[in-house]
């Protein structure tokens, strides 16, 4: 069946609010005819301004993280309802940098996915293996663990709202990229696991994005693969021209 193509930019800790507005004003006319859904994960401080700047465009604004509680004494954190109030429509969860640097666990990430769905945010759940895992032949095991634990307690009817992003950790920001065939193999496995969790018909509706040094020069080969439905883009999403090339390839 036909799945939507999603190209999502992840700005990480870059750009001010003013720079975000300027970027969106530059990007919008470049992607006005894009077939792919255009997502931008911006820093918390820029969400409101970015959402306002993207009004009447096909650019969807989201966040890069959130807490799993509705509110409370969690200094420095932000809730899904706060994100929604600023105009966010999606949230990136479980990125390898959150897992590795900030020690987020599958249990914590699962709570965030559940909360995001409850408060009408589209979760982009990131999963992926390290180079050590790949060398040890544990890629499939790691992906299954991230999916089974990260999607625990998600009703089947809600699963269709989720986006999965497969990001081999060894390819993030390194310039290395899985070949289209390597990526397809893992995406196919991910869809098989999703089928075991939610049934084949639902698994066929869930977009699975590839992330890890995605550039205008390699995006076409990736999205031509049967089970690759777009990309989560890091560095190449920081410049409107390069990001637009990736978006328009989809």
C-alpha atoms as a PDB file:
ATOM      1  CA  UNK A   1       0.000   0.000   0.000  1.00  0.00           C
ATOM      2  CA  UNK A   2       1.032   3.619  -0.447  1.00  0.00           C
ATOM      3  CA  UNK A   3       2.635   5.141   2.649  1.00  0.00           C
ATOM      4  CA  UNK A   4       3.289   8.825   3.116  1.00  0.00           C
ATOM      5  CA  UNK A   5       6.850  10.020   2.584  1.00  0.00           C
ATOM      6  CA  UNK A   6       8.226  12.127   5.428  1.00  0.00           C
ATOM      7  CA  UNK A   7      11.396  14.216   5.347  1.00  0.00           C
ATOM      8  CA  UNK A   8      12.108  15.463   8.865  1.00  0.00           C
ATOM      9  CA  UNK A   9      14.850  17.900   9.781  1.00  0.00           C
ATOM     10  CA  UNK A  10      16.444  17.667  13.222  1.00  0.00           C
ATOM     11  CA  UNK A  11      18.222  20.926  14.028  1.00  0.00           C
ATOM     12  CA  UNK A  12      19.589  19.720  17.371  1.00  0.00           C
ATOM     13  CA  UNK A  13      21.161  22.649  19.301  1.00  0.00           C
ATOM     14  CA  UNK A  14      21.428  25.066  16.392  1.00  0.00           C
ATOM     15  CA  UNK A  15      19.707  28.305  15.319  1.00  0.00           C
ATOM     16  CA  UNK A  16      18.034  31.121  17.223  1.00  0.00           C
ATOM     17  CA  UNK A  17      14.338  31.959  16.869  1.00  0.00           C
ATOM     18  CA  UNK A  18      15.176  34.723  14.397  1.00  0.00           C
ATOM     19  CA  UNK A  19      17.300  32.333  12.349  1.00  0.00           C
ATOM     20  CA  UNK A  20      14.469  29.781  12.392  1.00  0.00           C
ATOM     21  CA  UNK A  21      12.025  32.317  10.960  1.00  0.00           C
ATOM     22  CA  UNK A  22      14.521  33.365   8.287  1.00  0.00           C
ATOM     23  CA  UNK A  23      15.143  29.725   7.371  1.00  0.00           C
ATOM     24  CA  UNK A  24      11.427  28.928   7.017  1.00  0.00           C
ATOM     25  CA  UNK A  25      10.869  31.998   4.862  1.00  0.00           C
ATOM     26  CA  UNK A  26      13.665  30.783   2.590  1.00  0.00           C
ATOM     27  CA  UNK A  27      12.583  27.125   2.596  1.00  0.00           C
ATOM     28  CA  UNK A  28       8.836  27.510   2.068  1.00  0.00           C
ATOM     29  CA  UNK A  29       8.896  28.552  -1.622  1.00  0.00           C
ATOM     30  CA  UNK A  30      11.496  25.872  -2.369  1.00  0.00           C
ATOM     31  CA  UNK A  31       9.270  23.027  -1.139  1.00  0.00           C
ATOM     32  CA  UNK A  32       5.845  24.396  -2.049  1.00  0.00           C
ATOM     33  CA  UNK A  33       5.258  21.604  -4.584  1.00  0.00           C
ATOM     34  CA  UNK A  34       6.868  18.804  -2.575  1.00  0.00           C
ATOM     35  CA  UNK A  35       5.088  15.463  -2.484  1.00  0.00           C
ATOM     36  CA  UNK A  36       6.770  14.572   0.798  1.00  0.00           C
ATOM     37  CA  UNK A  37       5.547  15.777   4.181  1.00  0.00           C
ATOM     38  CA  UNK A  38       8.017  18.384   5.443  1.00  0.00           C
ATOM     39  CA  UNK A  39       8.810  18.231   9.174  1.00  0.00           C
ATOM     40  CA  UNK A  40      11.210  20.507  11.100  1.00  0.00           C
ATOM     41  CA  UNK A  41      12.316  19.589  14.637  1.00  0.00           C
ATOM     42  CA  UNK A  42      13.484  22.906  16.083  1.00  0.00           C
ATOM     43  CA  UNK A  43      14.854  23.929  19.518  1.00  0.00           C
ATOM     44  CA  UNK A  44      12.238  24.550  22.213  1.00  0.00           C
ATOM     45  CA  UNK A  45      12.770  28.323  22.171  1.00  0.00           C
ATOM     46  CA  UNK A  46      11.979  28.499  18.460  1.00  0.00           C
ATOM     47  CA  UNK A  47       8.786  26.434  18.317  1.00  0.00           C
ATOM     48  CA  UNK A  48       6.326  29.319  18.706  1.00  0.00           C
ATOM     49  CA  UNK A  49       8.034  31.592  16.191  1.00  0.00           C
ATOM     50  CA  UNK A  50       8.643  28.723  13.772  1.00  0.00           C
ATOM     51  CA  UNK A  51       5.012  27.595  13.954  1.00  0.00           C
ATOM     52  CA  UNK A  52       3.875  31.133  13.256  1.00  0.00           C
ATOM     53  CA  UNK A  53       6.291  31.505  10.332  1.00  0.00           C
ATOM     54  CA  UNK A  54       5.194  28.187   8.821  1.00  0.00           C
ATOM     55  CA  UNK A  55       1.485  29.012   8.902  1.00  0.00           C
ATOM     56  CA  UNK A  56      -0.035  28.750   5.405  1.00  0.00           C
ATOM     57  CA  UNK A  57       2.911  26.625   4.243  1.00  0.00           C
ATOM     58  CA  UNK A  58       3.340  22.845   4.012  1.00  0.00           C
ATOM     59  CA  UNK A  59       6.028  22.868   6.741  1.00  0.00           C
ATOM     60  CA  UNK A  60       5.144  21.085   9.992  1.00  0.00           C
ATOM     61  CA  UNK A  61       6.934  22.163  13.180  1.00  0.00           C
ATOM     62  CA  UNK A  62       7.864  19.865  16.059  1.00  0.00           C
ATOM     63  CA  UNK A  63      10.173  19.385  19.024  1.00  0.00           C
ATOM     64  CA  UNK A  64      13.238  17.232  19.632  1.00  0.00           C
ATOM     65  CA  UNK A  65      12.270  15.868  23.045  1.00  0.00           C
ATOM     66  CA  UNK A  66       9.733  16.156  25.891  1.00  0.00           C
ATOM     67  CA  UNK A  67       8.981  14.874  29.383  1.00  0.00           C
ATOM     68  CA  UNK A  68       6.511  12.069  29.985  1.00  0.00           C
ATOM     69  CA  UNK A  69       4.551  13.788  32.772  1.00  0.00           C
ATOM     70  CA  UNK A  70       1.737  16.256  32.113  1.00  0.00           C
ATOM     71  CA  UNK A  71       3.282  18.804  34.500  1.00  0.00           C
ATOM     72  CA  UNK A  72       5.284  18.925  37.709  1.00  0.00           C
ATOM     73  CA  UNK A  73       8.516  19.806  39.476  1.00  0.00           C
ATOM     74  CA  UNK A  74      10.895  18.829  36.664  1.00  0.00           C
ATOM     75  CA  UNK A  75      13.356  21.699  36.369  1.00  0.00           C
ATOM     76  CA  UNK A  76      14.428  22.386  32.803  1.00  0.00           C
ATOM     77  CA  UNK A  77      11.918  19.995  31.221  1.00  0.00           C
ATOM     78  CA  UNK A  78       8.961  20.641  28.926  1.00  0.00           C
ATOM     79  CA  UNK A  79       5.633  18.842  28.563  1.00  0.00           C
ATOM     80  CA  UNK A  80       3.647  17.703  25.558  1.00  0.00           C
ATOM     81  CA  UNK A  81       0.870  20.149  26.385  1.00  0.00           C
ATOM     82  CA  UNK A  82       3.354  23.019  26.484  1.00  0.00           C
ATOM     83  CA  UNK A  83       4.661  21.932  23.084  1.00  0.00           C
ATOM     84  CA  UNK A  84       1.150  21.773  21.685  1.00  0.00           C
ATOM     85  CA  UNK A  85       0.354  25.235  23.049  1.00  0.00           C
ATOM     86  CA  UNK A  86       3.327  26.655  21.123  1.00  0.00           C
ATOM     87  CA  UNK A  87       2.243  25.034  17.858  1.00  0.00           C
ATOM     88  CA  UNK A  88       4.227  21.788  17.762  1.00  0.00           C
ATOM     89  CA  UNK A  89       2.601  18.897  15.885  1.00  0.00           C
ATOM     90  CA  UNK A  90       5.239  16.194  16.381  1.00  0.00           C
ATOM     91  CA  UNK A  91       8.109  15.255  18.676  1.00  0.00           C
ATOM     92  CA  UNK A  92      11.328  13.291  18.134  1.00  0.00           C
ATOM     93  CA  UNK A  93      11.790  10.687  20.875  1.00  0.00           C
ATOM     94  CA  UNK A  94      14.581   8.261  21.740  1.00  0.00           C
ATOM     95  CA  UNK A  95      17.247   9.812  19.536  1.00  0.00           C
ATOM     96  CA  UNK A  96      20.589   8.105  20.059  1.00  0.00           C
ATOM     97  CA  UNK A  97      22.023  11.293  21.537  1.00  0.00           C
ATOM     98  CA  UNK A  98      19.281  11.224  24.176  1.00  0.00           C
ATOM     99  CA  UNK A  99      19.947   7.541  24.829  1.00  0.00           C
ATOM    100  CA  UNK A 100      23.729   7.792  24.953  1.00  0.00           C
ATOM    101  CA  UNK A 101      24.505  11.237  26.356  1.00  0.00           C
ATOM    102  CA  UNK A 102      21.476  11.664  28.629  1.00  0.00           C
ATOM    103  CA  UNK A 103      21.057   7.979  29.484  1.00  0.00           C
ATOM    104  CA  UNK A 104      17.401   7.710  28.499  1.00  0.00           C
ATOM    105  CA  UNK A 105      16.095   4.158  28.773  1.00  0.00           C
ATOM    106  CA  UNK A 106      13.531   2.296  26.685  1.00  0.00           C
ATOM    107  CA  UNK A 107      11.157   2.504  29.658  1.00  0.00           C
ATOM    108  CA  UNK A 108      11.453   6.289  29.822  1.00  0.00           C
ATOM    109  CA  UNK A 109      11.124   6.659  26.056  1.00  0.00           C
ATOM    110  CA  UNK A 110       8.044   4.426  26.050  1.00  0.00           C
ATOM    111  CA  UNK A 111       6.370   6.699  28.602  1.00  0.00           C
ATOM    112  CA  UNK A 112       7.088   9.635  26.326  1.00  0.00           C
ATOM    113  CA  UNK A 113       5.566   7.879  23.290  1.00  0.00           C
ATOM    114  CA  UNK A 114       2.417   7.081  25.288  1.00  0.00           C
ATOM    115  CA  UNK A 115       2.174  10.684  26.510  1.00  0.00           C
ATOM    116  CA  UNK A 116       2.745  12.166  23.065  1.00  0.00           C
ATOM    117  CA  UNK A 117      -0.080  10.097  21.574  1.00  0.00           C
ATOM    118  CA  UNK A 118      -2.379  10.998  24.455  1.00  0.00           C
ATOM    119  CA  UNK A 119      -1.819  14.694  23.805  1.00  0.00           C
ATOM    120  CA  UNK A 120      -2.105  14.482  20.029  1.00  0.00           C
ATOM    121  CA  UNK A 121       1.567  14.835  19.112  1.00  0.00           C
ATOM    122  CA  UNK A 122       2.979  12.595  16.379  1.00  0.00           C
ATOM    123  CA  UNK A 123       5.896  10.659  17.910  1.00  0.00           C
ATOM    124  CA  UNK A 124       8.941   9.943  15.777  1.00  0.00           C
ATOM    125  CA  UNK A 125      10.516   7.043  17.652  1.00  0.00           C
ATOM    126  CA  UNK A 126      14.236   6.684  16.920  1.00  0.00           C
ATOM    127  CA  UNK A 127      15.919   3.303  17.100  1.00  0.00           C
ATOM    128  CA  UNK A 128      19.327   2.064  16.007  1.00  0.00           C
ATOM    129  CA  UNK A 129      22.431   0.050  16.740  1.00  0.00           C
ATOM    130  CA  UNK A 130      25.970   1.140  17.596  1.00  0.00           C
ATOM    131  CA  UNK A 131      28.979   0.079  15.535  1.00  0.00           C
ATOM    132  CA  UNK A 132      29.844  -2.369  18.316  1.00  0.00           C
ATOM    133  CA  UNK A 133      26.396  -3.957  18.107  1.00  0.00           C
ATOM    134  CA  UNK A 134      26.708  -4.283  14.336  1.00  0.00           C
ATOM    135  CA  UNK A 135      30.184  -5.825  14.587  1.00  0.00           C
ATOM    136  CA  UNK A 136      28.810  -8.358  17.098  1.00  0.00           C
ATOM    137  CA  UNK A 137      25.893  -9.260  14.819  1.00  0.00           C
ATOM    138  CA  UNK A 138      23.342  -7.852  17.264  1.00  0.00           C
ATOM    139  CA  UNK A 139      21.633  -5.304  15.020  1.00  0.00           C
ATOM    140  CA  UNK A 140      18.361  -7.243  14.734  1.00  0.00           C
ATOM    141  CA  UNK A 141      18.264  -7.878  18.487  1.00  0.00           C
ATOM    142  CA  UNK A 142      18.819  -4.205  19.306  1.00  0.00           C
ATOM    143  CA  UNK A 143      16.126  -3.038  16.888  1.00  0.00           C
ATOM    144  CA  UNK A 144      13.630  -5.550  18.268  1.00  0.00           C
ATOM    145  CA  UNK A 145      14.417  -4.500  21.836  1.00  0.00           C
ATOM    146  CA  UNK A 146      13.954  -0.807  21.044  1.00  0.00           C
ATOM    147  CA  UNK A 147      10.670  -1.463  19.235  1.00  0.00           C
ATOM    148  CA  UNK A 148       9.114  -3.942  21.676  1.00  0.00           C
ATOM    149  CA  UNK A 149      10.022  -1.891  24.756  1.00  0.00           C
ATOM    150  CA  UNK A 150       9.508   1.519  23.178  1.00  0.00           C
ATOM    151  CA  UNK A 151       6.029   0.662  21.860  1.00  0.00           C
ATOM    152  CA  UNK A 152       4.768  -1.147  24.940  1.00  0.00           C
ATOM    153  CA  UNK A 153       1.143  -0.411  25.911  1.00  0.00           C
ATOM    154  CA  UNK A 154       0.389   1.281  22.577  1.00  0.00           C
ATOM    155  CA  UNK A 155      -3.090   0.279  21.329  1.00  0.00           C
ATOM    156  CA  UNK A 156      -3.171  -0.969  17.754  1.00  0.00           C
ATOM    157  CA  UNK A 157      -5.530   1.850  16.733  1.00  0.00           C
ATOM    158  CA  UNK A 158      -2.934   4.388  17.929  1.00  0.00           C
ATOM    159  CA  UNK A 159       0.056   2.711  16.280  1.00  0.00           C
ATOM    160  CA  UNK A 160      -0.802   4.086  12.840  1.00  0.00           C
ATOM    161  CA  UNK A 161      -0.018   7.606  14.136  1.00  0.00           C
ATOM    162  CA  UNK A 162       3.595   6.698  14.962  1.00  0.00           C
ATOM    163  CA  UNK A 163       6.630   7.266  12.745  1.00  0.00           C
ATOM    164  CA  UNK A 164       9.748   5.137  13.206  1.00  0.00           C
ATOM    165  CA  UNK A 165      13.223   6.486  12.420  1.00  0.00           C
ATOM    166  CA  UNK A 166      16.001   3.938  11.967  1.00  0.00           C
ATOM    167  CA  UNK A 167      19.318   5.605  12.714  1.00  0.00           C
ATOM    168  CA  UNK A 168      22.406   3.419  12.855  1.00  0.00           C
ATOM    169  CA  UNK A 169      24.402   5.226  15.542  1.00  0.00           C
ATOM    170  CA  UNK A 170      27.663   4.701  13.652  1.00  0.00           C
ATOM    171  CA  UNK A 171      26.297   6.774  10.760  1.00  0.00           C
ATOM    172  CA  UNK A 172      25.059   9.821  12.699  1.00  0.00           C
ATOM    173  CA  UNK A 173      27.227  12.846  12.027  1.00  0.00           C
ATOM    174  CA  UNK A 174      30.124  10.661  10.887  1.00  0.00           C
ATOM    175  CA  UNK A 175      29.746  10.997   7.144  1.00  0.00           C
ATOM    176  CA  UNK A 176      29.238   7.224   6.994  1.00  0.00           C
ATOM    177  CA  UNK A 177      25.941   6.028   5.602  1.00  0.00           C
ATOM    178  CA  UNK A 178      24.415   2.604   5.232  1.00  0.00           C
ATOM    179  CA  UNK A 179      24.099   1.572   1.611  1.00  0.00           C
ATOM    180  CA  UNK A 180      20.507   1.610   0.350  1.00  0.00           C
ATOM    181  CA  UNK A 181      20.561  -2.193   0.410  1.00  0.00           C
ATOM    182  CA  UNK A 182      21.856  -2.313   4.001  1.00  0.00           C
ATOM    183  CA  UNK A 183      19.241   0.193   5.117  1.00  0.00           C
ATOM    184  CA  UNK A 184      16.449  -1.653   3.307  1.00  0.00           C
ATOM    185  CA  UNK A 185      17.382  -4.893   5.051  1.00  0.00           C
ATOM    186  CA  UNK A 186      16.980  -3.285   8.483  1.00  0.00           C
ATOM    187  CA  UNK A 187      13.813  -1.406   7.499  1.00  0.00           C
ATOM    188  CA  UNK A 188      12.297  -4.669   6.283  1.00  0.00           C
ATOM    189  CA  UNK A 189      13.134  -6.262   9.626  1.00  0.00           C
ATOM    190  CA  UNK A 190      11.624  -3.312  11.499  1.00  0.00           C
ATOM    191  CA  UNK A 191       8.388  -3.646   9.523  1.00  0.00           C
ATOM    192  CA  UNK A 192       8.302  -7.363  10.312  1.00  0.00           C
ATOM    193  CA  UNK A 193       8.602  -6.603  14.045  1.00  0.00           C
ATOM    194  CA  UNK A 194       5.897  -3.942  13.761  1.00  0.00           C
ATOM    195  CA  UNK A 195       3.716  -6.562  12.104  1.00  0.00           C
ATOM    196  CA  UNK A 196       4.218  -8.925  15.034  1.00  0.00           C
ATOM    197  CA  UNK A 197       3.220  -6.125  17.423  1.00  0.00           C
ATOM    198  CA  UNK A 198       0.271  -4.563  15.593  1.00  0.00           C
ATOM    199  CA  UNK A 199      -0.584  -6.811  12.638  1.00  0.00           C
ATOM    200  CA  UNK A 200       0.541  -6.667   9.018  1.00  0.00           C
ATOM    201  CA  UNK A 201      -2.101  -4.169   7.841  1.00  0.00           C
ATOM    202  CA  UNK A 202      -1.061  -1.620  10.479  1.00  0.00           C
ATOM    203  CA  UNK A 203       2.655  -2.204   9.979  1.00  0.00           C
ATOM    204  CA  UNK A 204       2.239  -1.448   6.288  1.00  0.00           C
ATOM    205  CA  UNK A 205       0.860   2.006   7.173  1.00  0.00           C
ATOM    206  CA  UNK A 206       3.672   3.095   9.518  1.00  0.00           C
ATOM    207  CA  UNK A 207       6.358   5.245   7.856  1.00  0.00           C
ATOM    208  CA  UNK A 208       9.918   4.142   8.604  1.00  0.00           C
ATOM    209  CA  UNK A 209      12.525   6.839   8.005  1.00  0.00           C
ATOM    210  CA  UNK A 210      16.264   6.418   7.566  1.00  0.00           C
ATOM    211  CA  UNK A 211      18.646   8.711   9.429  1.00  0.00           C
ATOM    212  CA  UNK A 212      22.414   9.020   9.482  1.00  0.00           C
ATOM    213  CA  UNK A 213      24.414  11.418   7.304  1.00  0.00           C
ATOM    214  CA  UNK A 214      21.568  11.840   4.808  1.00  0.00           C
ATOM    215  CA  UNK A 215      22.492  14.289   2.030  1.00  0.00           C
ATOM    216  CA  UNK A 216      21.108  15.416  -1.339  1.00  0.00           C
ATOM    217  CA  UNK A 217      23.585  13.039  -2.974  1.00  0.00           C
ATOM    218  CA  UNK A 218      22.354   9.863  -1.267  1.00  0.00           C
ATOM    219  CA  UNK A 219      18.659  10.450  -0.552  1.00  0.00           C
ATOM    220  CA  UNK A 220      17.339   9.183  -3.895  1.00  0.00           C
ATOM    221  CA  UNK A 221      18.941   5.752  -3.577  1.00  0.00           C
ATOM    222  CA  UNK A 222      17.577   5.397  -0.068  1.00  0.00           C
ATOM    223  CA  UNK A 223      13.956   6.338  -0.686  1.00  0.00           C
ATOM    224  CA  UNK A 224      13.780   4.146  -3.789  1.00  0.00           C
ATOM    225  CA  UNK A 225      13.898   1.156  -1.430  1.00  0.00           C
ATOM    226  CA  UNK A 226      10.580  -0.573  -0.724  1.00  0.00           C
ATOM    227  CA  UNK A 227      10.511  -0.035   3.035  1.00  0.00           C
ATOM    228  CA  UNK A 228      12.277   3.339   3.325  1.00  0.00           C
ATOM    229  CA  UNK A 229       9.625   6.042   3.566  1.00  0.00           C
ATOM    230  CA  UNK A 230      11.744   9.153   4.006  1.00  0.00           C
ATOM    231  CA  UNK A 231      14.539  10.469   6.158  1.00  0.00           C
ATOM    232  CA  UNK A 232      15.446  12.074   9.458  1.00  0.00           C
ATOM    233  CA  UNK A 233      18.027  14.641   8.436  1.00  0.00           C
ATOM    234  CA  UNK A 234      20.601  16.265  10.704  1.00  0.00           C
ATOM    235  CA  UNK A 235      23.327  18.554   9.356  1.00  0.00           C
ATOM    236  CA  UNK A 236      21.863  18.831   5.859  1.00  0.00           C
ATOM    237  CA  UNK A 237      18.632  20.257   7.338  1.00  0.00           C
ATOM    238  CA  UNK A 238      20.437  23.377   8.584  1.00  0.00           C
ATOM    239  CA  UNK A 239      20.654  24.941   5.132  1.00  0.00           C
ATOM    240  CA  UNK A 240      17.445  25.608   3.239  1.00  0.00           C
ATOM    241  CA  UNK A 241      18.882  24.765  -0.169  1.00  0.00           C
ATOM    242  CA  UNK A 242      20.275  21.339   0.789  1.00  0.00           C
ATOM    243  CA  UNK A 243      17.208  20.441   2.842  1.00  0.00           C
ATOM    244  CA  UNK A 244      14.900  21.431  -0.019  1.00  0.00           C
ATOM    245  CA  UNK A 245      16.849  19.175  -2.385  1.00  0.00           C
ATOM    246  CA  UNK A 246      16.298  16.255  -0.017  1.00  0.00           C
ATOM    247  CA  UNK A 247      12.606  17.083   0.414  1.00  0.00           C
ATOM    248  CA  UNK A 248      11.999  17.403  -3.316  1.00  0.00           C
ATOM    249  CA  UNK A 249      13.745  14.085  -3.988  1.00  0.00           C
ATOM    250  CA  UNK A 250      10.882  12.466  -2.070  1.00  0.00           C
END
